[in-house]
C-alpha atoms as a PDB file:
ATOM      1  CA  UNK A   1      28.648 -59.266  -9.632  1.00  0.00           C
ATOM      2  CA  UNK A   2      31.405 -56.734  -9.839  1.00  0.00           C
ATOM      3  CA  UNK A   3      31.019 -53.071  -8.749  1.00  0.00           C
ATOM      4  CA  UNK A   4      33.204 -50.410 -10.216  1.00  0.00           C
ATOM      5  CA  UNK A   5      33.752 -47.146  -8.363  1.00  0.00           C
ATOM      6  CA  UNK A   6      34.644 -44.133 -10.411  1.00  0.00           C
ATOM      7  CA  UNK A   7      36.141 -41.119  -8.687  1.00  0.00           C
ATOM      8  CA  UNK A   8      35.742 -37.797 -10.418  1.00  0.00           C
ATOM      9  CA  UNK A   9      38.040 -35.012  -9.357  1.00  0.00           C
ATOM     10  CA  UNK A  10      36.557 -31.531  -9.475  1.00  0.00           C
ATOM     11  CA  UNK A  11      38.734 -28.946 -11.095  1.00  0.00           C
ATOM     12  CA  UNK A  12      38.518 -25.193 -11.076  1.00  0.00           C
ATOM     13  CA  UNK A  13      37.621 -25.197 -14.759  1.00  0.00           C
ATOM     14  CA  UNK A  14      34.754 -27.638 -14.410  1.00  0.00           C
ATOM     15  CA  UNK A  15      31.378 -25.938 -14.983  1.00  0.00           C
ATOM     16  CA  UNK A  16      28.997 -25.737 -12.074  1.00  0.00           C
ATOM     17  CA  UNK A  17      25.453 -26.563 -13.021  1.00  0.00           C
ATOM     18  CA  UNK A  18      22.722 -24.805 -11.096  1.00  0.00           C
ATOM     19  CA  UNK A  19      18.995 -24.929 -11.661  1.00  0.00           C
ATOM     20  CA  UNK A  20      17.889 -21.954 -13.701  1.00  0.00           C
ATOM     21  CA  UNK A  21      15.740 -19.498 -11.739  1.00  0.00           C
ATOM     22  CA  UNK A  22      14.591 -22.255  -9.402  1.00  0.00           C
ATOM     23  CA  UNK A  23      16.269 -20.782  -6.361  1.00  0.00           C
ATOM     24  CA  UNK A  24      16.235 -17.192  -7.547  1.00  0.00           C
ATOM     25  CA  UNK A  25      14.534 -14.792  -5.163  1.00  0.00           C
ATOM     26  CA  UNK A  26      12.205 -12.374  -6.880  1.00  0.00           C
ATOM     27  CA  UNK A  27      11.532  -9.324  -4.730  1.00  0.00           C
ATOM     28  CA  UNK A  28       7.869  -8.475  -4.346  1.00  0.00           C
ATOM     29  CA  UNK A  29       6.674  -5.073  -3.318  1.00  0.00           C
ATOM     30  CA  UNK A  30       4.159  -4.713  -0.539  1.00  0.00           C
ATOM     31  CA  UNK A  31       0.779  -3.601  -1.846  1.00  0.00           C
ATOM     32  CA  UNK A  32      -0.419  -0.066  -1.328  1.00  0.00           C
ATOM     33  CA  UNK A  33      -3.678   0.684   0.441  1.00  0.00           C
ATOM     34  CA  UNK A  34      -6.342   3.301  -0.291  1.00  0.00           C
ATOM     35  CA  UNK A  35      -7.850   5.611   2.286  1.00  0.00           C
ATOM     36  CA  UNK A  36     -11.392   6.445   1.201  1.00  0.00           C
ATOM     37  CA  UNK A  37     -13.553   9.089   2.874  1.00  0.00           C
ATOM     38  CA  UNK A  38     -17.310   8.601   2.495  1.00  0.00           C
ATOM     39  CA  UNK A  39     -20.039  11.211   2.328  1.00  0.00           C
ATOM     40  CA  UNK A  40     -22.301  11.622   5.353  1.00  0.00           C
ATOM     41  CA  UNK A  41     -24.972  13.983   6.596  1.00  0.00           C
ATOM     42  CA  UNK A  42     -23.202  15.404   9.630  1.00  0.00           C
ATOM     43  CA  UNK A  43     -19.630  16.498   8.754  1.00  0.00           C
ATOM     44  CA  UNK A  44     -19.246  19.972   7.297  1.00  0.00           C
ATOM     45  CA  UNK A  45     -17.132  20.748   4.260  1.00  0.00           C
ATOM     46  CA  UNK A  46     -14.881  22.835   6.500  1.00  0.00           C
ATOM     47  CA  UNK A  47     -14.327  19.987   8.978  1.00  0.00           C
ATOM     48  CA  UNK A  48     -13.532  17.407   6.275  1.00  0.00           C
ATOM     49  CA  UNK A  49     -11.075  19.720   4.503  1.00  0.00           C
ATOM     50  CA  UNK A  50      -9.366  20.671   7.785  1.00  0.00           C
ATOM     51  CA  UNK A  51      -8.987  17.005   8.796  1.00  0.00           C
ATOM     52  CA  UNK A  52      -7.449  16.120   5.439  1.00  0.00           C
ATOM     53  CA  UNK A  53      -4.895  18.917   5.763  1.00  0.00           C
ATOM     54  CA  UNK A  54      -4.178  18.015   9.385  1.00  0.00           C
ATOM     55  CA  UNK A  55      -3.742  14.234   9.019  1.00  0.00           C
ATOM     56  CA  UNK A  56      -2.722  13.485   5.433  1.00  0.00           C
ATOM     57  CA  UNK A  57       0.948  14.303   4.707  1.00  0.00           C
ATOM     58  CA  UNK A  58       1.582  16.938   2.042  1.00  0.00           C
ATOM     59  CA  UNK A  59      -2.134  17.669   1.685  1.00  0.00           C
ATOM     60  CA  UNK A  60      -2.693  21.222   0.493  1.00  0.00           C
ATOM     61  CA  UNK A  61      -5.813  23.211   1.343  1.00  0.00           C
ATOM     62  CA  UNK A  62      -6.714  23.412  -2.356  1.00  0.00           C
ATOM     63  CA  UNK A  63      -6.502  19.644  -2.827  1.00  0.00           C
ATOM     64  CA  UNK A  64      -8.371  19.066   0.435  1.00  0.00           C
ATOM     65  CA  UNK A  65     -11.273  21.219  -0.823  1.00  0.00           C
ATOM     66  CA  UNK A  66     -11.262  19.429  -4.177  1.00  0.00           C
ATOM     67  CA  UNK A  67     -11.417  16.040  -2.426  1.00  0.00           C
ATOM     68  CA  UNK A  68     -14.092  17.288  -0.012  1.00  0.00           C
ATOM     69  CA  UNK A  69     -16.244  18.304  -2.978  1.00  0.00           C
ATOM     70  CA  UNK A  70     -15.646  14.891  -4.551  1.00  0.00           C
ATOM     71  CA  UNK A  71     -16.778  13.215  -1.321  1.00  0.00           C
ATOM     72  CA  UNK A  72     -19.950  15.319  -1.300  1.00  0.00           C
ATOM     73  CA  UNK A  73     -20.907  15.062  -4.963  1.00  0.00           C
ATOM     74  CA  UNK A  74     -19.657  11.548  -5.798  1.00  0.00           C
ATOM     75  CA  UNK A  75     -20.173   9.904  -2.403  1.00  0.00           C
ATOM     76  CA  UNK A  76     -16.527   9.138  -1.756  1.00  0.00           C
ATOM     77  CA  UNK A  77     -12.948  10.096  -2.548  1.00  0.00           C
ATOM     78  CA  UNK A  78      -9.590   8.376  -2.319  1.00  0.00           C
ATOM     79  CA  UNK A  79      -7.581  10.796  -0.206  1.00  0.00           C
ATOM     80  CA  UNK A  80      -4.309   8.883   0.156  1.00  0.00           C
ATOM     81  CA  UNK A  81      -2.599   5.749  -1.211  1.00  0.00           C
ATOM     82  CA  UNK A  82       0.465   4.120   0.320  1.00  0.00           C
ATOM     83  CA  UNK A  83       1.935   1.426   2.594  1.00  0.00           C
ATOM     84  CA  UNK A  84      -0.357  -0.375   5.031  1.00  0.00           C
ATOM     85  CA  UNK A  85       1.195   0.820   8.285  1.00  0.00           C
ATOM     86  CA  UNK A  86       0.889   4.492   7.337  1.00  0.00           C
ATOM     87  CA  UNK A  87      -2.564   3.922   5.842  1.00  0.00           C
ATOM     88  CA  UNK A  88      -3.744   2.413   9.127  1.00  0.00           C
ATOM     89  CA  UNK A  89      -2.494   5.440  11.057  1.00  0.00           C
ATOM     90  CA  UNK A  90      -4.064   8.074   8.772  1.00  0.00           C
ATOM     91  CA  UNK A  91      -7.303   6.081   8.487  1.00  0.00           C
ATOM     92  CA  UNK A  92      -7.626   5.848  12.264  1.00  0.00           C
ATOM     93  CA  UNK A  93      -6.830   9.547  12.758  1.00  0.00           C
ATOM     94  CA  UNK A  94      -9.509  10.562  10.259  1.00  0.00           C
ATOM     95  CA  UNK A  95     -12.004   8.144  11.803  1.00  0.00           C
ATOM     96  CA  UNK A  96     -11.326   9.492  15.301  1.00  0.00           C
ATOM     97  CA  UNK A  97     -11.845  13.021  13.978  1.00  0.00           C
ATOM     98  CA  UNK A  98     -15.365  11.936  13.049  1.00  0.00           C
ATOM     99  CA  UNK A  99     -15.074  11.355   9.314  1.00  0.00           C
ATOM    100  CA  UNK A 100     -16.985   8.465   7.797  1.00  0.00           C
ATOM    101  CA  UNK A 101     -14.412   6.035   6.429  1.00  0.00           C
ATOM    102  CA  UNK A 102     -14.560   3.065   4.079  1.00  0.00           C
ATOM    103  CA  UNK A 103     -12.525   0.045   5.203  1.00  0.00           C
ATOM    104  CA  UNK A 104      -8.915   0.050   4.013  1.00  0.00           C
ATOM    105  CA  UNK A 105      -8.490  -1.805   0.752  1.00  0.00           C
ATOM    106  CA  UNK A 106      -5.533  -2.784  -1.370  1.00  0.00           C
ATOM    107  CA  UNK A 107      -4.891  -0.412  -4.247  1.00  0.00           C
END
């Protein structure tokens, strides 16, 4: 049995074949998380609104009162949505201030 070796020289003009999209990295964004304040029978409107203004970035007093009313009349309100690390901080600050909080959940 005879074996034939064939040597192929690569040239600069030879096409390079790569698998299509097989090794392509597709960036994925981290999910956002919702901070939800729940209604309760012991926090006052004033306290809830003040906590929202104090702990949630860029929260205005007007929006805080609107959200506080939503908490009271609808039972809950989403007060902030964003990255997990920040959501954990704001959630914990509101909880420590005495607000009744739903667990963090992906948005």
